[in-house]
Every structure is written in C-alpha cells, then in structure tokens.
Amino acid sequence: MNIFHIKLSFDIITVRKREKLGLGGGGNSQLTNAIRAHANFIEYSLLAVLLLFILEMQNFISIAIYIAGVSLFSAGGPLAIS
C-alpha cells in the first residue's frame, strides 16, 4: 500500500515539474486528475484496511478477507492504481 502511495505522489511531482506549477492545480487537468487520484487513495484506503481488520477480528472466513483485500487493490478494484 505504501508503494501505491509513493507512486501517486511521484505522479503529482512529475506533472508539477513538467508544467512548472508550485501550488494548486493551475487549471491543468492532468495535474488535477493526479491530485484527485492521490486524495481518493488516502481517503478510502484507510477505511478499507480498517474494515478488513474488523473482519479479521470477528474471525470472518480468511479466504474471503484475502479475496476482498486483493480485489481492492487489483486492476478492477476501487483503489486500483493504473
């Protein structure tokens, strides 16, 4: 998960350097998209991990927890990183 966070951070840095923008989005749609992707990951990944932890503490079926965790961060999941 930390690797995904670092990748999203570097995506923002790359666009900022290329477009020479310091703060804010500057009206650049590519930078705005990178910022939103980073913010969405931060907002939802903590909740997803917390919910998986709660399932684990309730002795939920282990394979179901593994499948849910993998699906969150896989190519089709809501927290997917492209």
C-alpha atoms as a PDB file:
ATOM      1  CA  MET A   1       0.000   0.000   0.000  1.00  0.00           C
ATOM      2  CA  ASN A   2       2.860   2.356   0.748  1.00  0.00           C
ATOM      3  CA  ILE A   3       4.289   1.705  -2.686  1.00  0.00           C
ATOM      4  CA  PHE A   4       0.997   2.803  -4.267  1.00  0.00           C
ATOM      5  CA  HIS A   5       1.011   5.966  -2.161  1.00  0.00           C
ATOM      6  CA  ILE A   6       4.577   6.775  -3.185  1.00  0.00           C
ATOM      7  CA  LYS A   7       3.752   6.107  -6.852  1.00  0.00           C
ATOM      8  CA  LEU A   8       0.797   8.500  -6.718  1.00  0.00           C
ATOM      9  CA  SER A   9       2.948  11.119  -5.016  1.00  0.00           C
ATOM     10  CA  PHE A  10       5.580  10.831  -7.736  1.00  0.00           C
ATOM     11  CA  ASP A  11       2.876  11.151 -10.401  1.00  0.00           C
ATOM     12  CA  ILE A  12       1.935  14.527  -8.933  1.00  0.00           C
ATOM     13  CA  ILE A  13       5.579  15.593  -8.652  1.00  0.00           C
ATOM     14  CA  THR A  14       6.245  14.623 -12.265  1.00  0.00           C
ATOM     15  CA  VAL A  15       3.337  16.678 -13.595  1.00  0.00           C
ATOM     16  CA  ARG A  16       4.228  19.646 -11.371  1.00  0.00           C
ATOM     17  CA  LYS A  17       7.821  19.677 -12.613  1.00  0.00           C
ATOM     18  CA  ARG A  18       6.836  19.252 -16.253  1.00  0.00           C
ATOM     19  CA  GLU A  19       4.218  22.029 -16.098  1.00  0.00           C
ATOM     20  CA  LYS A  20       6.242  24.197 -13.668  1.00  0.00           C
ATOM     21  CA  LEU A  21       3.382  24.516 -11.168  1.00  0.00           C
ATOM     22  CA  GLY A  22       4.005  25.044  -7.470  1.00  0.00           C
ATOM     23  CA  LEU A  23       0.745  25.070  -5.571  1.00  0.00           C
ATOM     24  CA  GLY A  24      -2.776  24.112  -6.587  1.00  0.00           C
ATOM     25  CA  GLY A  25      -3.870  22.602  -9.855  1.00  0.00           C
ATOM     26  CA  GLY A  26      -3.244  25.624 -12.042  1.00  0.00           C
ATOM     27  CA  GLY A  27      -6.141  24.638 -14.290  1.00  0.00           C
ATOM     28  CA  ASN A  28      -4.145  21.662 -15.580  1.00  0.00           C
ATOM     29  CA  SER A  29      -6.500  18.705 -15.970  1.00  0.00           C
ATOM     30  CA  GLN A  30      -3.713  16.112 -15.817  1.00  0.00           C
ATOM     31  CA  LEU A  31      -2.461  17.551 -12.521  1.00  0.00           C
ATOM     32  CA  THR A  32      -5.991  17.779 -11.161  1.00  0.00           C
ATOM     33  CA  ASN A  33      -6.549  14.106 -12.010  1.00  0.00           C
ATOM     34  CA  ALA A  34      -3.289  13.095 -10.321  1.00  0.00           C
ATOM     35  CA  ILE A  35      -4.180  15.099  -7.212  1.00  0.00           C
ATOM     36  CA  ARG A  36      -7.661  13.538  -7.047  1.00  0.00           C
ATOM     37  CA  ALA A  37      -6.261  10.018  -7.511  1.00  0.00           C
ATOM     38  CA  HIS A  38      -3.865  10.625  -4.615  1.00  0.00           C
ATOM     39  CA  ALA A  39      -6.589  12.122  -2.409  1.00  0.00           C
ATOM     40  CA  ASN A  40      -9.041   9.307  -3.173  1.00  0.00           C
ATOM     41  CA  PHE A  41      -6.426   6.711  -2.302  1.00  0.00           C
ATOM     42  CA  ILE A  42      -5.674   8.409   1.024  1.00  0.00           C
ATOM     43  CA  GLU A  43      -9.367   8.793   1.871  1.00  0.00           C
ATOM     44  CA  TYR A  44     -10.504   5.287   1.029  1.00  0.00           C
ATOM     45  CA  SER A  45      -7.516   3.031   1.659  1.00  0.00           C
ATOM     46  CA  LEU A  46      -7.552   3.640   5.417  1.00  0.00           C
ATOM     47  CA  LEU A  47     -11.249   2.817   5.624  1.00  0.00           C
ATOM     48  CA  ALA A  48     -10.788  -0.321   3.518  1.00  0.00           C
ATOM     49  CA  VAL A  49      -7.929  -1.591   5.667  1.00  0.00           C
ATOM     50  CA  LEU A  50      -9.876  -0.796   8.836  1.00  0.00           C
ATOM     51  CA  LEU A  51     -12.866  -2.775   7.572  1.00  0.00           C
ATOM     52  CA  LEU A  52     -10.623  -5.716   6.669  1.00  0.00           C
ATOM     53  CA  PHE A  53      -9.133  -5.560  10.167  1.00  0.00           C
ATOM     54  CA  ILE A  54     -12.603  -5.626  11.726  1.00  0.00           C
ATOM     55  CA  LEU A  55     -13.498  -8.672   9.633  1.00  0.00           C
ATOM     56  CA  GLU A  56     -10.304 -10.366  10.771  1.00  0.00           C
ATOM     57  CA  MET A  57     -11.055  -9.629  14.437  1.00  0.00           C
ATOM     58  CA  GLN A  58     -14.538 -11.108  14.018  1.00  0.00           C
ATOM     59  CA  ASN A  59     -12.979 -14.382  12.784  1.00  0.00           C
ATOM     60  CA  PHE A  60     -14.563 -13.978   9.366  1.00  0.00           C
ATOM     61  CA  ILE A  61     -13.677 -16.540   6.690  1.00  0.00           C
ATOM     62  CA  SER A  62      -9.970 -15.987   5.927  1.00  0.00           C
ATOM     63  CA  ILE A  63     -10.174 -16.656   2.205  1.00  0.00           C
ATOM     64  CA  ALA A  64     -12.970 -14.091   1.874  1.00  0.00           C
ATOM     65  CA  ILE A  65     -10.806 -11.476   3.611  1.00  0.00           C
ATOM     66  CA  TYR A  66      -7.876 -12.257   1.297  1.00  0.00           C
ATOM     67  CA  ILE A  67     -10.077 -12.016  -1.777  1.00  0.00           C
ATOM     68  CA  ALA A  68     -11.562  -8.701  -0.574  1.00  0.00           C
ATOM     69  CA  GLY A  69      -8.090  -7.286   0.124  1.00  0.00           C
ATOM     70  CA  VAL A  70      -6.703  -8.313  -3.251  1.00  0.00           C
ATOM     71  CA  SER A  71      -9.757  -7.047  -5.114  1.00  0.00           C
ATOM     72  CA  LEU A  72      -9.456  -3.599  -3.551  1.00  0.00           C
ATOM     73  CA  PHE A  73      -6.008  -3.039  -4.998  1.00  0.00           C
ATOM     74  CA  SER A  74      -6.195  -5.122  -8.174  1.00  0.00           C
ATOM     75  CA  ALA A  75      -6.826  -3.739 -11.643  1.00  0.00           C
ATOM     76  CA  GLY A  76     -10.617  -3.802 -11.271  1.00  0.00           C
ATOM     77  CA  GLY A  77     -10.932  -2.625  -7.676  1.00  0.00           C
ATOM     78  CA  PRO A  78     -11.997   0.795  -6.443  1.00  0.00           C
ATOM     79  CA  LEU A  79      -8.496   1.567  -5.165  1.00  0.00           C
ATOM     80  CA  ALA A  80      -6.740   0.307  -8.290  1.00  0.00           C
ATOM     81  CA  ILE A  81      -3.585   2.022  -9.370  1.00  0.00           C
ATOM     82  CA  SER A  82      -3.022   2.426 -13.088  1.00  0.00           C
END
